[in-house]
């Protein structure tokens, strides 16, 4: 895989998946994005991002059996792949490098 450059929303979704601690189903991921950012993503943007991250090999999903609360419909659970972790780390390093030395310009950042 070539170097993956992550957009801000892609980073938020992947970090939310990691924060869900193995229970990263779409509803929980969206709740975590909302909790952390104060912004609820639209369903379209959210699912498009999950599909894009999957196509890039940065996240994977498994299908879990449906529950009575979902009328037996199966549920996807997402995980971040090793390539996804590497992309997140690279994005973090790049952003931290850009932030370095700007405390005076940005004030109390």
Protein backbone atom coordinates (compact mmCIF):
# COMPACT_ATOMS: atom_id res chain seq x y z
CA UNK A 1 0.00 0.00 0.00
CA UNK A 2 1.23 3.50 -0.80
CA UNK A 3 1.26 6.27 1.71
CA UNK A 4 -2.28 7.06 2.78
CA UNK A 5 -3.06 10.69 3.52
CA UNK A 6 -5.98 10.95 5.87
CA UNK A 7 -8.54 13.70 5.88
CA UNK A 8 -9.68 15.18 9.17
CA UNK A 9 -12.99 13.33 9.16
CA UNK A 10 -11.29 10.04 8.25
CA UNK A 11 -9.01 10.53 11.26
CA UNK A 12 -11.98 11.24 13.52
CA UNK A 13 -13.81 8.11 12.38
CA UNK A 14 -10.74 5.89 12.80
CA UNK A 15 -9.96 7.32 16.24
CA UNK A 16 -13.59 6.80 17.26
CA UNK A 17 -13.35 3.16 16.14
CA UNK A 18 -10.29 2.73 18.35
CA UNK A 19 -12.08 4.38 21.30
CA UNK A 20 -15.03 1.98 20.98
CA UNK A 21 -12.80 -0.78 22.34
CA UNK A 22 -13.89 -3.68 20.17
CA UNK A 23 -17.55 -2.64 20.03
CA UNK A 24 -17.21 -0.33 17.05
CA UNK A 25 -20.58 -0.66 15.41
CA UNK A 26 -21.76 2.29 13.31
CA UNK A 27 -24.09 3.77 15.94
CA UNK A 28 -21.36 3.70 18.59
CA UNK A 29 -18.77 5.16 16.20
CA UNK A 30 -21.10 8.05 15.28
CA UNK A 31 -21.84 8.69 18.97
CA UNK A 32 -18.12 8.85 19.74
CA UNK A 33 -17.49 11.27 16.87
CA UNK A 34 -20.32 13.45 18.21
CA UNK A 35 -19.06 13.23 21.79
CA UNK A 36 -15.50 14.17 20.88
CA UNK A 37 -16.23 16.87 18.31
CA UNK A 38 -19.65 18.22 19.23
CA UNK A 39 -20.71 17.61 15.63
CA UNK A 40 -22.95 14.75 14.50
CA UNK A 41 -21.88 13.58 11.06
CA UNK A 42 -24.51 13.08 8.42
CA UNK A 43 -25.30 9.44 7.68
CA UNK A 44 -24.20 9.84 4.08
CA UNK A 45 -20.80 11.34 4.90
CA UNK A 46 -20.27 8.82 7.67
CA UNK A 47 -21.02 5.68 5.65
CA UNK A 48 -19.17 7.00 2.60
CA UNK A 49 -16.12 7.52 4.82
CA UNK A 50 -16.37 4.01 6.29
CA UNK A 51 -16.59 2.56 2.76
CA UNK A 52 -13.61 4.66 1.59
CA UNK A 53 -11.50 3.62 4.59
CA UNK A 54 -12.40 -0.02 3.94
CA UNK A 55 -11.47 0.31 0.25
CA UNK A 56 -8.10 1.79 1.26
CA UNK A 57 -7.53 -1.16 3.61
CA UNK A 58 -7.41 1.10 6.68
CA UNK A 59 -10.42 -0.43 8.41
CA UNK A 60 -12.09 -3.82 8.16
CA UNK A 61 -15.44 -5.06 9.36
CA UNK A 62 -17.00 -8.30 10.44
CA UNK A 63 -20.65 -9.21 10.52
CA UNK A 64 -22.21 -10.05 13.86
CA UNK A 65 -25.49 -11.89 14.31
CA UNK A 66 -28.50 -9.65 14.67
CA UNK A 67 -30.23 -9.07 17.96
CA UNK A 68 -33.92 -8.96 18.76
CA UNK A 69 -33.65 -5.17 19.03
CA UNK A 70 -32.57 -5.09 15.38
CA UNK A 71 -35.23 -7.58 14.25
CA UNK A 72 -32.46 -10.12 13.70
CA UNK A 73 -30.63 -7.95 11.17
CA UNK A 74 -26.86 -8.48 11.17
CA UNK A 75 -24.58 -5.71 12.44
CA UNK A 76 -21.13 -4.69 11.22
CA UNK A 77 -18.30 -4.22 13.71
CA UNK A 78 -15.28 -2.22 12.55
CA UNK A 79 -11.60 -2.46 13.43
CA UNK A 80 -8.62 -0.38 12.37
CA UNK A 81 -6.07 -2.43 10.42
CA UNK A 82 -2.30 -2.29 10.94
CA UNK A 83 -2.08 -0.11 7.80
CA UNK A 84 -4.74 2.13 9.35
CA UNK A 85 -2.73 2.47 12.54
CA UNK A 86 0.37 3.35 10.51
CA UNK A 87 -1.60 5.98 8.56
CA UNK A 88 -2.94 7.51 11.79
CA UNK A 89 0.56 7.65 13.27
CA UNK A 90 1.94 9.26 10.10
CA UNK A 91 -0.86 11.84 10.11
CA UNK A 92 -0.23 12.61 13.77
CA UNK A 93 3.51 13.05 13.19
CA UNK A 94 2.89 15.36 10.22
CA UNK A 95 0.41 17.51 12.16
CA UNK A 96 2.64 17.73 15.22
CA UNK A 97 5.52 18.80 12.99
CA UNK A 98 3.38 21.56 11.52
CA UNK A 99 2.27 22.70 15.00
CA UNK A 100 5.83 22.79 16.33
CA UNK A 101 7.09 26.30 16.91
CA UNK A 102 3.75 28.03 16.45
CA UNK A 103 2.78 28.48 20.11
CA UNK A 104 3.67 32.18 20.03
CA UNK A 105 1.75 32.78 16.79
CA UNK A 106 -1.29 30.81 17.92
CA UNK A 107 -1.28 32.12 21.46
CA UNK A 108 -2.60 29.78 24.11
CA UNK A 109 -3.10 26.81 21.76
